[in-house]
Amino acid sequence: AFVLNTAFQHLIPIETIILHPDFL
């Protein structure tokens, strides 16, 4: 199984991009 690595170094900028309203 797979789980999100909340300690991933670039998680915040990646989250900002992928979950930005323009991409939903």
PDBML (XML) file of the C-alpha atoms, coordinates in Angstrom:
<?xml version="1.0" encoding="UTF-8" ?>
<PDBx:datablock datablockName="MODEL"
   xmlns:PDBx="http://pdbml.pdb.org/schema/pdbx-v50.xsd"
   xmlns:xsi="http://www.w3.org/2001/XMLSchema-instance"
   xsi:schemaLocation="http://pdbml.pdb.org/schema/pdbx-v50.xsd pdbx-v50.xsd">
   <PDBx:atom_siteCategory>
      <PDBx:atom_site id="1">
         <PDBx:B_iso_or_equiv>0.00</PDBx:B_iso_or_equiv>
         <PDBx:Cartn_x>0.000</PDBx:Cartn_x>
         <PDBx:Cartn_y>0.000</PDBx:Cartn_y>
         <PDBx:Cartn_z>0.000</PDBx:Cartn_z>
         <PDBx:auth_asym_id>A</PDBx:auth_asym_id>
         <PDBx:auth_atom_id>CA</PDBx:auth_atom_id>
         <PDBx:auth_comp_id>ALA</PDBx:auth_comp_id>
         <PDBx:auth_seq_id>1</PDBx:auth_seq_id>
         <PDBx:group_PDB>ATOM</PDBx:group_PDB>
         <PDBx:label_alt_id xsi:nil="true" />
         <PDBx:label_asym_id>A</PDBx:label_asym_id>
         <PDBx:label_atom_id>CA</PDBx:label_atom_id>
         <PDBx:label_comp_id>ALA</PDBx:label_comp_id>
         <PDBx:label_entity_id>1</PDBx:label_entity_id>
         <PDBx:label_seq_id>1</PDBx:label_seq_id>
         <PDBx:occupancy>1.00</PDBx:occupancy>
         <PDBx:pdbx_PDB_model_num>1</PDBx:pdbx_PDB_model_num>
         <PDBx:type_symbol>C</PDBx:type_symbol>
      </PDBx:atom_site>
      <PDBx:atom_site id="2">
         <PDBx:B_iso_or_equiv>0.00</PDBx:B_iso_or_equiv>
         <PDBx:Cartn_x>1.038</PDBx:Cartn_x>
         <PDBx:Cartn_y>3.624</PDBx:Cartn_y>
         <PDBx:Cartn_z>-0.302</PDBx:Cartn_z>
         <PDBx:auth_asym_id>A</PDBx:auth_asym_id>
         <PDBx:auth_atom_id>CA</PDBx:auth_atom_id>
         <PDBx:auth_comp_id>PHE</PDBx:auth_comp_id>
         <PDBx:auth_seq_id>2</PDBx:auth_seq_id>
         <PDBx:group_PDB>ATOM</PDBx:group_PDB>
         <PDBx:label_alt_id xsi:nil="true" />
         <PDBx:label_asym_id>A</PDBx:label_asym_id>
         <PDBx:label_atom_id>CA</PDBx:label_atom_id>
         <PDBx:label_comp_id>PHE</PDBx:label_comp_id>
         <PDBx:label_entity_id>1</PDBx:label_entity_id>
         <PDBx:label_seq_id>2</PDBx:label_seq_id>
         <PDBx:occupancy>1.00</PDBx:occupancy>
         <PDBx:pdbx_PDB_model_num>1</PDBx:pdbx_PDB_model_num>
         <PDBx:type_symbol>C</PDBx:type_symbol>
      </PDBx:atom_site>
      <PDBx:atom_site id="3">
         <PDBx:B_iso_or_equiv>0.00</PDBx:B_iso_or_equiv>
         <PDBx:Cartn_x>0.777</PDBx:Cartn_x>
         <PDBx:Cartn_y>6.570</PDBx:Cartn_y>
         <PDBx:Cartn_z>2.065</PDBx:Cartn_z>
         <PDBx:auth_asym_id>A</PDBx:auth_asym_id>
         <PDBx:auth_atom_id>CA</PDBx:auth_atom_id>
         <PDBx:auth_comp_id>VAL</PDBx:auth_comp_id>
         <PDBx:auth_seq_id>3</PDBx:auth_seq_id>
         <PDBx:group_PDB>ATOM</PDBx:group_PDB>
         <PDBx:label_alt_id xsi:nil="true" />
         <PDBx:label_asym_id>A</PDBx:label_asym_id>
         <PDBx:label_atom_id>CA</PDBx:label_atom_id>
         <PDBx:label_comp_id>VAL</PDBx:label_comp_id>
         <PDBx:label_entity_id>1</PDBx:label_entity_id>
         <PDBx:label_seq_id>3</PDBx:label_seq_id>
         <PDBx:occupancy>1.00</PDBx:occupancy>
         <PDBx:pdbx_PDB_model_num>1</PDBx:pdbx_PDB_model_num>
         <PDBx:type_symbol>C</PDBx:type_symbol>
      </PDBx:atom_site>
      <PDBx:atom_site id="4">
         <PDBx:B_iso_or_equiv>0.00</PDBx:B_iso_or_equiv>
         <PDBx:Cartn_x>1.519</PDBx:Cartn_x>
         <PDBx:Cartn_y>10.257</PDBx:Cartn_y>
         <PDBx:Cartn_z>1.563</PDBx:Cartn_z>
         <PDBx:auth_asym_id>A</PDBx:auth_asym_id>
         <PDBx:auth_atom_id>CA</PDBx:auth_atom_id>
         <PDBx:auth_comp_id>LEU</PDBx:auth_comp_id>
         <PDBx:auth_seq_id>4</PDBx:auth_seq_id>
         <PDBx:group_PDB>ATOM</PDBx:group_PDB>
         <PDBx:label_alt_id xsi:nil="true" />
         <PDBx:label_asym_id>A</PDBx:label_asym_id>
         <PDBx:label_atom_id>CA</PDBx:label_atom_id>
         <PDBx:label_comp_id>LEU</PDBx:label_comp_id>
         <PDBx:label_entity_id>1</PDBx:label_entity_id>
         <PDBx:label_seq_id>4</PDBx:label_seq_id>
         <PDBx:occupancy>1.00</PDBx:occupancy>
         <PDBx:pdbx_PDB_model_num>1</PDBx:pdbx_PDB_model_num>
         <PDBx:type_symbol>C</PDBx:type_symbol>
      </PDBx:atom_site>
      <PDBx:atom_site id="5">
         <PDBx:B_iso_or_equiv>0.00</PDBx:B_iso_or_equiv>
         <PDBx:Cartn_x>4.924</PDBx:Cartn_x>
         <PDBx:Cartn_y>11.248</PDBx:Cartn_y>
         <PDBx:Cartn_z>2.892</PDBx:Cartn_z>
         <PDBx:auth_asym_id>A</PDBx:auth_asym_id>
         <PDBx:auth_atom_id>CA</PDBx:auth_atom_id>
         <PDBx:auth_comp_id>ASN</PDBx:auth_comp_id>
         <PDBx:auth_seq_id>5</PDBx:auth_seq_id>
         <PDBx:group_PDB>ATOM</PDBx:group_PDB>
         <PDBx:label_alt_id xsi:nil="true" />
         <PDBx:label_asym_id>A</PDBx:label_asym_id>
         <PDBx:label_atom_id>CA</PDBx:label_atom_id>
         <PDBx:label_comp_id>ASN</PDBx:label_comp_id>
         <PDBx:label_entity_id>1</PDBx:label_entity_id>
         <PDBx:label_seq_id>5</PDBx:label_seq_id>
         <PDBx:occupancy>1.00</PDBx:occupancy>
         <PDBx:pdbx_PDB_model_num>1</PDBx:pdbx_PDB_model_num>
         <PDBx:type_symbol>C</PDBx:type_symbol>
      </PDBx:atom_site>
      <PDBx:atom_site id="6">
         <PDBx:B_iso_or_equiv>0.00</PDBx:B_iso_or_equiv>
         <PDBx:Cartn_x>4.050</PDBx:Cartn_x>
         <PDBx:Cartn_y>14.365</PDBx:Cartn_y>
         <PDBx:Cartn_z>4.878</PDBx:Cartn_z>
         <PDBx:auth_asym_id>A</PDBx:auth_asym_id>
         <PDBx:auth_atom_id>CA</PDBx:auth_atom_id>
         <PDBx:auth_comp_id>THR</PDBx:auth_comp_id>
         <PDBx:auth_seq_id>6</PDBx:auth_seq_id>
         <PDBx:group_PDB>ATOM</PDBx:group_PDB>
         <PDBx:label_alt_id xsi:nil="true" />
         <PDBx:label_asym_id>A</PDBx:label_asym_id>
         <PDBx:label_atom_id>CA</PDBx:label_atom_id>
         <PDBx:label_comp_id>THR</PDBx:label_comp_id>
         <PDBx:label_entity_id>1</PDBx:label_entity_id>
         <PDBx:label_seq_id>6</PDBx:label_seq_id>
         <PDBx:occupancy>1.00</PDBx:occupancy>
         <PDBx:pdbx_PDB_model_num>1</PDBx:pdbx_PDB_model_num>
         <PDBx:type_symbol>C</PDBx:type_symbol>
      </PDBx:atom_site>
      <PDBx:atom_site id="7">
         <PDBx:B_iso_or_equiv>0.00</PDBx:B_iso_or_equiv>
         <PDBx:Cartn_x>7.763</PDBx:Cartn_x>
         <PDBx:Cartn_y>14.982</PDBx:Cartn_y>
         <PDBx:Cartn_z>5.465</PDBx:Cartn_z>
         <PDBx:auth_asym_id>A</PDBx:auth_asym_id>
         <PDBx:auth_atom_id>CA</PDBx:auth_atom_id>
         <PDBx:auth_comp_id>ALA</PDBx:auth_comp_id>
         <PDBx:auth_seq_id>7</PDBx:auth_seq_id>
         <PDBx:group_PDB>ATOM</PDBx:group_PDB>
         <PDBx:label_alt_id xsi:nil="true" />
         <PDBx:label_asym_id>A</PDBx:label_asym_id>
         <PDBx:label_atom_id>CA</PDBx:label_atom_id>
         <PDBx:label_comp_id>ALA</PDBx:label_comp_id>
         <PDBx:label_entity_id>1</PDBx:label_entity_id>
         <PDBx:label_seq_id>7</PDBx:label_seq_id>
         <PDBx:occupancy>1.00</PDBx:occupancy>
         <PDBx:pdbx_PDB_model_num>1</PDBx:pdbx_PDB_model_num>
         <PDBx:type_symbol>C</PDBx:type_symbol>
      </PDBx:atom_site>
      <PDBx:atom_site id="8">
         <PDBx:B_iso_or_equiv>0.00</PDBx:B_iso_or_equiv>
         <PDBx:Cartn_x>8.518</PDBx:Cartn_x>
         <PDBx:Cartn_y>15.198</PDBx:Cartn_y>
         <PDBx:Cartn_z>1.734</PDBx:Cartn_z>
         <PDBx:auth_asym_id>A</PDBx:auth_asym_id>
         <PDBx:auth_atom_id>CA</PDBx:auth_atom_id>
         <PDBx:auth_comp_id>PHE</PDBx:auth_comp_id>
         <PDBx:auth_seq_id>8</PDBx:auth_seq_id>
         <PDBx:group_PDB>ATOM</PDBx:group_PDB>
         <PDBx:label_alt_id xsi:nil="true" />
         <PDBx:label_asym_id>A</PDBx:label_asym_id>
         <PDBx:label_atom_id>CA</PDBx:label_atom_id>
         <PDBx:label_comp_id>PHE</PDBx:label_comp_id>
         <PDBx:label_entity_id>1</PDBx:label_entity_id>
         <PDBx:label_seq_id>8</PDBx:label_seq_id>
         <PDBx:occupancy>1.00</PDBx:occupancy>
         <PDBx:pdbx_PDB_model_num>1</PDBx:pdbx_PDB_model_num>
         <PDBx:type_symbol>C</PDBx:type_symbol>
      </PDBx:atom_site>
      <PDBx:atom_site id="9">
         <PDBx:B_iso_or_equiv>0.00</PDBx:B_iso_or_equiv>
         <PDBx:Cartn_x>10.739</PDBx:Cartn_x>
         <PDBx:Cartn_y>18.235</PDBx:Cartn_y>
         <PDBx:Cartn_z>1.190</PDBx:Cartn_z>
         <PDBx:auth_asym_id>A</PDBx:auth_asym_id>
         <PDBx:auth_atom_id>CA</PDBx:auth_atom_id>
         <PDBx:auth_comp_id>GLN</PDBx:auth_comp_id>
         <PDBx:auth_seq_id>9</PDBx:auth_seq_id>
         <PDBx:group_PDB>ATOM</PDBx:group_PDB>
         <PDBx:label_alt_id xsi:nil="true" />
         <PDBx:label_asym_id>A</PDBx:label_asym_id>
         <PDBx:label_atom_id>CA</PDBx:label_atom_id>
         <PDBx:label_comp_id>GLN</PDBx:label_comp_id>
         <PDBx:label_entity_id>1</PDBx:label_entity_id>
         <PDBx:label_seq_id>9</PDBx:label_seq_id>
         <PDBx:occupancy>1.00</PDBx:occupancy>
         <PDBx:pdbx_PDB_model_num>1</PDBx:pdbx_PDB_model_num>
         <PDBx:type_symbol>C</PDBx:type_symbol>
      </PDBx:atom_site>
      <PDBx:atom_site id="10">
         <PDBx:B_iso_or_equiv>0.00</PDBx:B_iso_or_equiv>
         <PDBx:Cartn_x>8.698</PDBx:Cartn_x>
         <PDBx:Cartn_y>19.782</PDBx:Cartn_y>
         <PDBx:Cartn_z>-1.638</PDBx:Cartn_z>
         <PDBx:auth_asym_id>A</PDBx:auth_asym_id>
         <PDBx:auth_atom_id>CA</PDBx:auth_atom_id>
         <PDBx:auth_comp_id>HIS</PDBx:auth_comp_id>
         <PDBx:auth_seq_id>10</PDBx:auth_seq_id>
         <PDBx:group_PDB>ATOM</PDBx:group_PDB>
         <PDBx:label_alt_id xsi:nil="true" />
         <PDBx:label_asym_id>A</PDBx:label_asym_id>
         <PDBx:label_atom_id>CA</PDBx:label_atom_id>
         <PDBx:label_comp_id>HIS</PDBx:label_comp_id>
         <PDBx:label_entity_id>1</PDBx:label_entity_id>
         <PDBx:label_seq_id>10</PDBx:label_seq_id>
         <PDBx:occupancy>1.00</PDBx:occupancy>
         <PDBx:pdbx_PDB_model_num>1</PDBx:pdbx_PDB_model_num>
         <PDBx:type_symbol>C</PDBx:type_symbol>
      </PDBx:atom_site>
      <PDBx:atom_site id="11">
         <PDBx:B_iso_or_equiv>0.00</PDBx:B_iso_or_equiv>
         <PDBx:Cartn_x>5.223</PDBx:Cartn_x>
         <PDBx:Cartn_y>18.843</PDBx:Cartn_y>
         <PDBx:Cartn_z>-0.437</PDBx:Cartn_z>
         <PDBx:auth_asym_id>A</PDBx:auth_asym_id>
         <PDBx:auth_atom_id>CA</PDBx:auth_atom_id>
         <PDBx:auth_comp_id>LEU</PDBx:auth_comp_id>
         <PDBx:auth_seq_id>11</PDBx:auth_seq_id>
         <PDBx:group_PDB>ATOM</PDBx:group_PDB>
         <PDBx:label_alt_id xsi:nil="true" />
         <PDBx:label_asym_id>A</PDBx:label_asym_id>
         <PDBx:label_atom_id>CA</PDBx:label_atom_id>
         <PDBx:label_comp_id>LEU</PDBx:label_comp_id>
         <PDBx:label_entity_id>1</PDBx:label_entity_id>
         <PDBx:label_seq_id>11</PDBx:label_seq_id>
         <PDBx:occupancy>1.00</PDBx:occupancy>
         <PDBx:pdbx_PDB_model_num>1</PDBx:pdbx_PDB_model_num>
         <PDBx:type_symbol>C</PDBx:type_symbol>
      </PDBx:atom_site>
      <PDBx:atom_site id="12">
         <PDBx:B_iso_or_equiv>0.00</PDBx:B_iso_or_equiv>
         <PDBx:Cartn_x>3.969</PDBx:Cartn_x>
         <PDBx:Cartn_y>22.406</PDBx:Cartn_y>
         <PDBx:Cartn_z>0.173</PDBx:Cartn_z>
         <PDBx:auth_asym_id>A</PDBx:auth_asym_id>
         <PDBx:auth_atom_id>CA</PDBx:auth_atom_id>
         <PDBx:auth_comp_id>ILE</PDBx:auth_comp_id>
         <PDBx:auth_seq_id>12</PDBx:auth_seq_id>
         <PDBx:group_PDB>ATOM</PDBx:group_PDB>
         <PDBx:label_alt_id xsi:nil="true" />
         <PDBx:label_asym_id>A</PDBx:label_asym_id>
         <PDBx:label_atom_id>CA</PDBx:label_atom_id>
         <PDBx:label_comp_id>ILE</PDBx:label_comp_id>
         <PDBx:label_entity_id>1</PDBx:label_entity_id>
         <PDBx:label_seq_id>12</PDBx:label_seq_id>
         <PDBx:occupancy>1.00</PDBx:occupancy>
         <PDBx:pdbx_PDB_model_num>1</PDBx:pdbx_PDB_model_num>
         <PDBx:type_symbol>C</PDBx:type_symbol>
      </PDBx:atom_site>
      <PDBx:atom_site id="13">
         <PDBx:B_iso_or_equiv>0.00</PDBx:B_iso_or_equiv>
         <PDBx:Cartn_x>4.890</PDBx:Cartn_x>
         <PDBx:Cartn_y>23.891</PDBx:Cartn_y>
         <PDBx:Cartn_z>-3.251</PDBx:Cartn_z>
         <PDBx:auth_asym_id>A</PDBx:auth_asym_id>
         <PDBx:auth_atom_id>CA</PDBx:auth_atom_id>
         <PDBx:auth_comp_id>PRO</PDBx:auth_comp_id>
         <PDBx:auth_seq_id>13</PDBx:auth_seq_id>
         <PDBx:group_PDB>ATOM</PDBx:group_PDB>
         <PDBx:label_alt_id xsi:nil="true" />
         <PDBx:label_asym_id>A</PDBx:label_asym_id>
         <PDBx:label_atom_id>CA</PDBx:label_atom_id>
         <PDBx:label_comp_id>PRO</PDBx:label_comp_id>
         <PDBx:label_entity_id>1</PDBx:label_entity_id>
         <PDBx:label_seq_id>13</PDBx:label_seq_id>
         <PDBx:occupancy>1.00</PDBx:occupancy>
         <PDBx:pdbx_PDB_model_num>1</PDBx:pdbx_PDB_model_num>
         <PDBx:type_symbol>C</PDBx:type_symbol>
      </PDBx:atom_site>
      <PDBx:atom_site id="14">
         <PDBx:B_iso_or_equiv>0.00</PDBx:B_iso_or_equiv>
         <PDBx:Cartn_x>3.593</PDBx:Cartn_x>
         <PDBx:Cartn_y>20.789</PDBx:Cartn_y>
         <PDBx:Cartn_z>-5.025</PDBx:Cartn_z>
         <PDBx:auth_asym_id>A</PDBx:auth_asym_id>
         <PDBx:auth_atom_id>CA</PDBx:auth_atom_id>
         <PDBx:auth_comp_id>ILE</PDBx:auth_comp_id>
         <PDBx:auth_seq_id>14</PDBx:auth_seq_id>
         <PDBx:group_PDB>ATOM</PDBx:group_PDB>
         <PDBx:label_alt_id xsi:nil="true" />
         <PDBx:label_asym_id>A</PDBx:label_asym_id>
         <PDBx:label_atom_id>CA</PDBx:label_atom_id>
         <PDBx:label_comp_id>ILE</PDBx:label_comp_id>
         <PDBx:label_entity_id>1</PDBx:label_entity_id>
         <PDBx:label_seq_id>14</PDBx:label_seq_id>
         <PDBx:occupancy>1.00</PDBx:occupancy>
         <PDBx:pdbx_PDB_model_num>1</PDBx:pdbx_PDB_model_num>
         <PDBx:type_symbol>C</PDBx:type_symbol>
      </PDBx:atom_site>
      <PDBx:atom_site id="15">
         <PDBx:B_iso_or_equiv>0.00</PDBx:B_iso_or_equiv>
         <PDBx:Cartn_x>0.332</PDBx:Cartn_x>
         <PDBx:Cartn_y>20.950</PDBx:Cartn_y>
         <PDBx:Cartn_z>-3.075</PDBx:Cartn_z>
         <PDBx:auth_asym_id>A</PDBx:auth_asym_id>
         <PDBx:auth_atom_id>CA</PDBx:auth_atom_id>
         <PDBx:auth_comp_id>GLU</PDBx:auth_comp_id>
         <PDBx:auth_seq_id>15</PDBx:auth_seq_id>
         <PDBx:group_PDB>ATOM</PDBx:group_PDB>
         <PDBx:label_alt_id xsi:nil="true" />
         <PDBx:label_asym_id>A</PDBx:label_asym_id>
         <PDBx:label_atom_id>CA</PDBx:label_atom_id>
         <PDBx:label_comp_id>GLU</PDBx:label_comp_id>
         <PDBx:label_entity_id>1</PDBx:label_entity_id>
         <PDBx:label_seq_id>15</PDBx:label_seq_id>
         <PDBx:occupancy>1.00</PDBx:occupancy>
         <PDBx:pdbx_PDB_model_num>1</PDBx:pdbx_PDB_model_num>
         <PDBx:type_symbol>C</PDBx:type_symbol>
      </PDBx:atom_site>
      <PDBx:atom_site id="16">
         <PDBx:B_iso_or_equiv>0.00</PDBx:B_iso_or_equiv>
         <PDBx:Cartn_x>0.010</PDBx:Cartn_x>
         <PDBx:Cartn_y>24.651</PDBx:Cartn_y>
         <PDBx:Cartn_z>-3.932</PDBx:Cartn_z>
         <PDBx:auth_asym_id>A</PDBx:auth_asym_id>
         <PDBx:auth_atom_id>CA</PDBx:auth_atom_id>
         <PDBx:auth_comp_id>THR</PDBx:auth_comp_id>
         <PDBx:auth_seq_id>16</PDBx:auth_seq_id>
         <PDBx:group_PDB>ATOM</PDBx:group_PDB>
         <PDBx:label_alt_id xsi:nil="true" />
         <PDBx:label_asym_id>A</PDBx:label_asym_id>
         <PDBx:label_atom_id>CA</PDBx:label_atom_id>
         <PDBx:label_comp_id>THR</PDBx:label_comp_id>
         <PDBx:label_entity_id>1</PDBx:label_entity_id>
         <PDBx:label_seq_id>16</PDBx:label_seq_id>
         <PDBx:occupancy>1.00</PDBx:occupancy>
         <PDBx:pdbx_PDB_model_num>1</PDBx:pdbx_PDB_model_num>
         <PDBx:type_symbol>C</PDBx:type_symbol>
      </PDBx:atom_site>
      <PDBx:atom_site id="17">
         <PDBx:B_iso_or_equiv>0.00</PDBx:B_iso_or_equiv>
         <PDBx:Cartn_x>0.270</PDBx:Cartn_x>
         <PDBx:Cartn_y>23.867</PDBx:Cartn_y>
         <PDBx:Cartn_z>-7.635</PDBx:Cartn_z>
         <PDBx:auth_asym_id>A</PDBx:auth_asym_id>
         <PDBx:auth_atom_id>CA</PDBx:auth_atom_id>
         <PDBx:auth_comp_id>ILE</PDBx:auth_comp_id>
         <PDBx:auth_seq_id>17</PDBx:auth_seq_id>
         <PDBx:group_PDB>ATOM</PDBx:group_PDB>
         <PDBx:label_alt_id xsi:nil="true" />
         <PDBx:label_asym_id>A</PDBx:label_asym_id>
         <PDBx:label_atom_id>CA</PDBx:label_atom_id>
         <PDBx:label_comp_id>ILE</PDBx:label_comp_id>
         <PDBx:label_entity_id>1</PDBx:label_entity_id>
         <PDBx:label_seq_id>17</PDBx:label_seq_id>
         <PDBx:occupancy>1.00</PDBx:occupancy>
         <PDBx:pdbx_PDB_model_num>1</PDBx:pdbx_PDB_model_num>
         <PDBx:type_symbol>C</PDBx:type_symbol>
      </PDBx:atom_site>
      <PDBx:atom_site id="18">
         <PDBx:B_iso_or_equiv>0.00</PDBx:B_iso_or_equiv>
         <PDBx:Cartn_x>-1.801</PDBx:Cartn_x>
         <PDBx:Cartn_y>20.711</PDBx:Cartn_y>
         <PDBx:Cartn_z>-7.912</PDBx:Cartn_z>
         <PDBx:auth_asym_id>A</PDBx:auth_asym_id>
         <PDBx:auth_atom_id>CA</PDBx:auth_atom_id>
         <PDBx:auth_comp_id>ILE</PDBx:auth_comp_id>
         <PDBx:auth_seq_id>18</PDBx:auth_seq_id>
         <PDBx:group_PDB>ATOM</PDBx:group_PDB>
         <PDBx:label_alt_id xsi:nil="true" />
         <PDBx:label_asym_id>A</PDBx:label_asym_id>
         <PDBx:label_atom_id>CA</PDBx:label_atom_id>
         <PDBx:label_comp_id>ILE</PDBx:label_comp_id>
         <PDBx:label_entity_id>1</PDBx:label_entity_id>
         <PDBx:label_seq_id>18</PDBx:label_seq_id>
         <PDBx:occupancy>1.00</PDBx:occupancy>
         <PDBx:pdbx_PDB_model_num>1</PDBx:pdbx_PDB_model_num>
         <PDBx:type_symbol>C</PDBx:type_symbol>
      </PDBx:atom_site>
      <PDBx:atom_site id="19">
         <PDBx:B_iso_or_equiv>0.00</PDBx:B_iso_or_equiv>
         <PDBx:Cartn_x>-4.630</PDBx:Cartn_x>
         <PDBx:Cartn_y>21.805</PDBx:Cartn_y>
         <PDBx:Cartn_z>-5.608</PDBx:Cartn_z>
         <PDBx:auth_asym_id>A</PDBx:auth_asym_id>
         <PDBx:auth_atom_id>CA</PDBx:auth_atom_id>
         <PDBx:auth_comp_id>LEU</PDBx:auth_comp_id>
         <PDBx:auth_seq_id>19</PDBx:auth_seq_id>
         <PDBx:group_PDB>ATOM</PDBx:group_PDB>
         <PDBx:label_alt_id xsi:nil="true" />
         <PDBx:label_asym_id>A</PDBx:label_asym_id>
         <PDBx:label_atom_id>CA</PDBx:label_atom_id>
         <PDBx:label_comp_id>LEU</PDBx:label_comp_id>
         <PDBx:label_entity_id>1</PDBx:label_entity_id>
         <PDBx:label_seq_id>19</PDBx:label_seq_id>
         <PDBx:occupancy>1.00</PDBx:occupancy>
         <PDBx:pdbx_PDB_model_num>1</PDBx:pdbx_PDB_model_num>
         <PDBx:type_symbol>C</PDBx:type_symbol>
      </PDBx:atom_site>
      <PDBx:atom_site id="20">
         <PDBx:B_iso_or_equiv>0.00</PDBx:B_iso_or_equiv>
         <PDBx:Cartn_x>-4.858</PDBx:Cartn_x>
         <PDBx:Cartn_y>25.326</PDBx:Cartn_y>
         <PDBx:Cartn_z>-6.977</PDBx:Cartn_z>
         <PDBx:auth_asym_id>A</PDBx:auth_asym_id>
         <PDBx:auth_atom_id>CA</PDBx:auth_atom_id>
         <PDBx:auth_comp_id>HIS</PDBx:auth_comp_id>
         <PDBx:auth_seq_id>20</PDBx:auth_seq_id>
         <PDBx:group_PDB>ATOM</PDBx:group_PDB>
         <PDBx:label_alt_id xsi:nil="true" />
         <PDBx:label_asym_id>A</PDBx:label_asym_id>
         <PDBx:label_atom_id>CA</PDBx:label_atom_id>
         <PDBx:label_comp_id>HIS</PDBx:label_comp_id>
         <PDBx:label_entity_id>1</PDBx:label_entity_id>
         <PDBx:label_seq_id>20</PDBx:label_seq_id>
         <PDBx:occupancy>1.00</PDBx:occupancy>
         <PDBx:pdbx_PDB_model_num>1</PDBx:pdbx_PDB_model_num>
         <PDBx:type_symbol>C</PDBx:type_symbol>
      </PDBx:atom_site>
      <PDBx:atom_site id="21">
         <PDBx:B_iso_or_equiv>0.00</PDBx:B_iso_or_equiv>
         <PDBx:Cartn_x>-8.475</PDBx:Cartn_x>
         <PDBx:Cartn_y>26.059</PDBx:Cartn_y>
         <PDBx:Cartn_z>-8.069</PDBx:Cartn_z>
         <PDBx:auth_asym_id>A</PDBx:auth_asym_id>
         <PDBx:auth_atom_id>CA</PDBx:auth_atom_id>
         <PDBx:auth_comp_id>PRO</PDBx:auth_comp_id>
         <PDBx:auth_seq_id>21</PDBx:auth_seq_id>
         <PDBx:group_PDB>ATOM</PDBx:group_PDB>
         <PDBx:label_alt_id xsi:nil="true" />
         <PDBx:label_asym_id>A</PDBx:label_asym_id>
         <PDBx:label_atom_id>CA</PDBx:label_atom_id>
         <PDBx:label_comp_id>PRO</PDBx:label_comp_id>
         <PDBx:label_entity_id>1</PDBx:label_entity_id>
         <PDBx:label_seq_id>21</PDBx:label_seq_id>
         <PDBx:occupancy>1.00</PDBx:occupancy>
         <PDBx:pdbx_PDB_model_num>1</PDBx:pdbx_PDB_model_num>
         <PDBx:type_symbol>C</PDBx:type_symbol>
      </PDBx:atom_site>
      <PDBx:atom_site id="22">
         <PDBx:B_iso_or_equiv>0.00</PDBx:B_iso_or_equiv>
         <PDBx:Cartn_x>-7.389</PDBx:Cartn_x>
         <PDBx:Cartn_y>26.485</PDBx:Cartn_y>
         <PDBx:Cartn_z>-11.698</PDBx:Cartn_z>
         <PDBx:auth_asym_id>A</PDBx:auth_asym_id>
         <PDBx:auth_atom_id>CA</PDBx:auth_atom_id>
         <PDBx:auth_comp_id>ASP</PDBx:auth_comp_id>
         <PDBx:auth_seq_id>22</PDBx:auth_seq_id>
         <PDBx:group_PDB>ATOM</PDBx:group_PDB>
         <PDBx:label_alt_id xsi:nil="true" />
         <PDBx:label_asym_id>A</PDBx:label_asym_id>
         <PDBx:label_atom_id>CA</PDBx:label_atom_id>
         <PDBx:label_comp_id>ASP</PDBx:label_comp_id>
         <PDBx:label_entity_id>1</PDBx:label_entity_id>
         <PDBx:label_seq_id>22</PDBx:label_seq_id>
         <PDBx:occupancy>1.00</PDBx:occupancy>
         <PDBx:pdbx_PDB_model_num>1</PDBx:pdbx_PDB_model_num>
         <PDBx:type_symbol>C</PDBx:type_symbol>
      </PDBx:atom_site>
      <PDBx:atom_site id="23">
         <PDBx:B_iso_or_equiv>0.00</PDBx:B_iso_or_equiv>
         <PDBx:Cartn_x>-6.554</PDBx:Cartn_x>
         <PDBx:Cartn_y>22.777</PDBx:Cartn_y>
         <PDBx:Cartn_z>-11.873</PDBx:Cartn_z>
         <PDBx:auth_asym_id>A</PDBx:auth_asym_id>
         <PDBx:auth_atom_id>CA</PDBx:auth_atom_id>
         <PDBx:auth_comp_id>PHE</PDBx:auth_comp_id>
         <PDBx:auth_seq_id>23</PDBx:auth_seq_id>
         <PDBx:group_PDB>ATOM</PDBx:group_PDB>
         <PDBx:label_alt_id xsi:nil="true" />
         <PDBx:label_asym_id>A</PDBx:label_asym_id>
         <PDBx:label_atom_id>CA</PDBx:label_atom_id>
         <PDBx:label_comp_id>PHE</PDBx:label_comp_id>
         <PDBx:label_entity_id>1</PDBx:label_entity_id>
         <PDBx:label_seq_id>23</PDBx:label_seq_id>
         <PDBx:occupancy>1.00</PDBx:occupancy>
         <PDBx:pdbx_PDB_model_num>1</PDBx:pdbx_PDB_model_num>
         <PDBx:type_symbol>C</PDBx:type_symbol>
      </PDBx:atom_site>
      <PDBx:atom_site id="24">
         <PDBx:B_iso_or_equiv>0.00</PDBx:B_iso_or_equiv>
         <PDBx:Cartn_x>-9.730</PDBx:Cartn_x>
         <PDBx:Cartn_y>21.403</PDBx:Cartn_y>
         <PDBx:Cartn_z>-10.333</PDBx:Cartn_z>
         <PDBx:auth_asym_id>A</PDBx:auth_asym_id>
         <PDBx:auth_atom_id>CA</PDBx:auth_atom_id>
         <PDBx:auth_comp_id>LEU</PDBx:auth_comp_id>
         <PDBx:auth_seq_id>24</PDBx:auth_seq_id>
         <PDBx:group_PDB>ATOM</PDBx:group_PDB>
         <PDBx:label_alt_id xsi:nil="true" />
         <PDBx:label_asym_id>A</PDBx:label_asym_id>
         <PDBx:label_atom_id>CA</PDBx:label_atom_id>
         <PDBx:label_comp_id>LEU</PDBx:label_comp_id>
         <PDBx:label_entity_id>1</PDBx:label_entity_id>
         <PDBx:label_seq_id>24</PDBx:label_seq_id>
         <PDBx:occupancy>1.00</PDBx:occupancy>
         <PDBx:pdbx_PDB_model_num>1</PDBx:pdbx_PDB_model_num>
         <PDBx:type_symbol>C</PDBx:type_symbol>
      </PDBx:atom_site>
   </PDBx:atom_siteCategory>
</PDBx:datablock>
